[in-house]
C-alpha atoms as a PDB file:
ATOM      1  CA  MET A   1      -1.192  86.198  41.971  1.00  0.00           C
ATOM      2  CA  THR A   2      -0.446  82.783  43.383  1.00  0.00           C
ATOM      3  CA  THR A   3       2.879  81.604  44.697  1.00  0.00           C
ATOM      4  CA  ALA A   4       5.793  81.066  42.325  1.00  0.00           C
ATOM      5  CA  TYR A   5       7.698  79.028  44.930  1.00  0.00           C
ATOM      6  CA  PRO A   6       9.594  76.686  44.682  1.00  0.00           C
ATOM      7  CA  GLY A   7      10.312  77.577  41.051  1.00  0.00           C
ATOM      8  CA  ALA A   8      10.982  81.205  41.936  1.00  0.00           C
ATOM      9  CA  ILE A   9      10.870  83.553  44.907  1.00  0.00           C
ATOM     10  CA  ASP A  10       7.573  85.379  45.384  1.00  0.00           C
ATOM     11  CA  ASP A  11       7.385  89.163  45.211  1.00  0.00           C
ATOM     12  CA  PHE A  12       4.054  90.008  46.833  1.00  0.00           C
ATOM     13  CA  SER A  13       3.027  93.641  47.184  1.00  0.00           C
ATOM     14  CA  ASN A  14       2.272  94.818  50.699  1.00  0.00           C
ATOM     15  CA  PRO A  15      -0.578  97.307  50.938  1.00  0.00           C
ATOM     16  CA  PRO A  16       0.406 100.683  52.338  1.00  0.00           C
ATOM     17  CA  GLY A  17      -1.099 101.840  55.614  1.00  0.00           C
ATOM     18  CA  GLY A  18      -4.677 103.058  55.323  1.00  0.00           C
ATOM     19  CA  THR A  19      -5.472 100.847  52.310  1.00  0.00           C
ATOM     20  CA  GLN A  20      -9.117  99.808  52.256  1.00  0.00           C
ATOM     21  CA  GLN A  21      -9.812  96.055  52.288  1.00  0.00           C
ATOM     22  CA  ASN A  22     -11.764  96.342  49.039  1.00  0.00           C
ATOM     23  CA  ASP A  23      -9.053  98.338  47.191  1.00  0.00           C
ATOM     24  CA  PRO A  24      -8.758  96.531  43.812  1.00  0.00           C
ATOM     25  CA  SER A  25      -4.963  96.912  43.857  1.00  0.00           C
ATOM     26  CA  TYR A  26      -4.645  95.183  47.243  1.00  0.00           C
ATOM     27  CA  LEU A  27      -7.699  93.011  47.781  1.00  0.00           C
ATOM     28  CA  HIS A  28      -7.645  91.761  51.357  1.00  0.00           C
ATOM     29  CA  SER A  29      -8.797  88.286  50.354  1.00  0.00           C
ATOM     30  CA  ALA A  30      -6.084  88.062  47.666  1.00  0.00           C
ATOM     31  CA  GLN A  31      -3.413  88.993  50.216  1.00  0.00           C
ATOM     32  CA  HIS A  32      -4.503  86.089  52.410  1.00  0.00           C
ATOM     33  CA  ALA A  33      -4.787  83.713  49.446  1.00  0.00           C
ATOM     34  CA  ASN A  34      -1.250  84.577  48.285  1.00  0.00           C
ATOM     35  CA  ALA A  35       0.207  84.087  51.753  1.00  0.00           C
ATOM     36  CA  ASN A  36      -1.670  80.794  52.171  1.00  0.00           C
ATOM     37  CA  ASP A  37      -0.448  79.530  48.776  1.00  0.00           C
ATOM     38  CA  ALA A  38       3.136  80.428  49.657  1.00  0.00           C
ATOM     39  CA  VAL A  39       2.978  78.665  53.039  1.00  0.00           C
ATOM     40  CA  GLU A  40       1.467  75.560  51.430  1.00  0.00           C
ATOM     41  CA  ALA A  41       4.228  75.521  48.786  1.00  0.00           C
ATOM     42  CA  ILE A  42       6.903  75.717  51.488  1.00  0.00           C
ATOM     43  CA  GLU A  43       5.235  72.906  53.430  1.00  0.00           C
ATOM     44  CA  ASN A  44       5.034  70.748  50.306  1.00  0.00           C
ATOM     45  CA  GLU A  45       8.683  71.411  49.474  1.00  0.00           C
ATOM     46  CA  LEU A  46       9.946  70.602  52.975  1.00  0.00           C
ATOM     47  CA  GLY A  47       7.538  67.775  53.769  1.00  0.00           C
ATOM     48  CA  THR A  48       6.111  66.947  57.157  1.00  0.00           C
ATOM     49  CA  THR A  49       9.355  66.259  59.041  1.00  0.00           C
ATOM     50  CA  PRO A  50      12.049  68.438  57.458  1.00  0.00           C
ATOM     51  CA  SER A  51      14.190  68.415  60.600  1.00  0.00           C
ATOM     52  CA  GLY A  52      14.122  64.613  60.868  1.00  0.00           C
ATOM     53  CA  ASP A  53      15.574  63.575  64.213  1.00  0.00           C
ATOM     54  CA  TYR A  54      17.082  67.039  64.736  1.00  0.00           C
ATOM     55  CA  ALA A  55      15.592  69.928  66.685  1.00  0.00           C
ATOM     56  CA  THR A  56      15.608  72.200  63.616  1.00  0.00           C
ATOM     57  CA  VAL A  57      16.229  72.078  59.869  1.00  0.00           C
ATOM     58  CA  LYS A  58      19.282  74.296  60.451  1.00  0.00           C
ATOM     59  CA  ALA A  59      20.720  71.764  62.905  1.00  0.00           C
ATOM     60  CA  ARG A  60      20.165  68.977  60.376  1.00  0.00           C
ATOM     61  CA  LEU A  61      21.938  70.896  57.606  1.00  0.00           C
ATOM     62  CA  ASP A  62      24.770  71.961  59.924  1.00  0.00           C
ATOM     63  CA  ASP A  63      25.419  68.301  60.769  1.00  0.00           C
ATOM     64  CA  LEU A  64      26.108  67.270  57.165  1.00  0.00           C
ATOM     65  CA  ASP A  65      29.631  65.919  57.102  1.00  0.00           C
ATOM     66  CA  VAL A  66      30.332  65.426  53.414  1.00  0.00           C
ATOM     67  CA  THR A  67      31.577  67.601  50.580  1.00  0.00           C
ATOM     68  CA  LYS A  68      31.607  66.986  46.848  1.00  0.00           C
ATOM     69  CA  VAL A  69      34.977  67.018  45.125  1.00  0.00           C
ATOM     70  CA  ILE A  70      35.685  66.694  41.405  1.00  0.00           C
ATOM     71  CA  VAL A  71      38.498  64.164  41.005  1.00  0.00           C
ATOM     72  CA  SER A  72      38.572  63.652  37.236  1.00  0.00           C
ATOM     73  CA  ALA A  73      36.867  64.638  34.023  1.00  0.00           C
ATOM     74  CA  THR A  74      36.278  61.297  32.302  1.00  0.00           C
ATOM     75  CA  GLU A  75      33.459  59.767  30.302  1.00  0.00           C
ATOM     76  CA  PRO A  76      34.417  57.026  27.813  1.00  0.00           C
ATOM     77  CA  ASP A  77      31.715  57.832  25.244  1.00  0.00           C
ATOM     78  CA  ALA A  78      31.862  61.625  25.484  1.00  0.00           C
ATOM     79  CA  PRO A  79      33.760  63.745  22.953  1.00  0.00           C
ATOM     80  CA  SER A  80      36.978  65.203  24.343  1.00  0.00           C
ATOM     81  CA  SER A  81      35.502  68.715  24.114  1.00  0.00           C
ATOM     82  CA  PHE A  82      32.673  67.690  26.473  1.00  0.00           C
ATOM     83  CA  PRO A  83      34.155  67.040  29.903  1.00  0.00           C
ATOM     84  CA  THR A  84      32.073  65.352  32.533  1.00  0.00           C
ATOM     85  CA  ALA A  85      32.878  64.947  36.173  1.00  0.00           C
ATOM     86  CA  THR A  86      33.410  61.900  38.312  1.00  0.00           C
ATOM     87  CA  TRP A  87      32.317  62.655  41.855  1.00  0.00           C
ATOM     88  CA  ILE A  88      33.434  61.138  45.114  1.00  0.00           C
ATOM     89  CA  TRP A  89      32.269  61.894  48.627  1.00  0.00           C
ATOM     90  CA  LEU A  90      34.847  62.786  51.228  1.00  0.00           C
ATOM     91  CA  GLU A  91      33.911  62.877  54.885  1.00  0.00           C
ATOM     92  CA  THR A  92      35.046  65.976  56.694  1.00  0.00           C
ATOM     93  CA  PRO A  93      36.502  65.723  60.187  1.00  0.00           C
END
């Protein structure tokens, strides 16, 4: 199995204690390959500088100061039964 990320969350099976490295249900090399594929997918998704100028990605996300708010459902060419949203950005204090 290779990684399903970022399209889905992986569900890798961990070998129970005492499992032999050549057990066909938990091949040691496959365990490493799956973990490596998952790490590479995460790196590709986040890029090389996911924290930007911040110390961590969490700090960067915590510093976001905008929220999306729906202010009206208007689209001139859309049928009335098909509402669409107009979005504005409001800065939070």
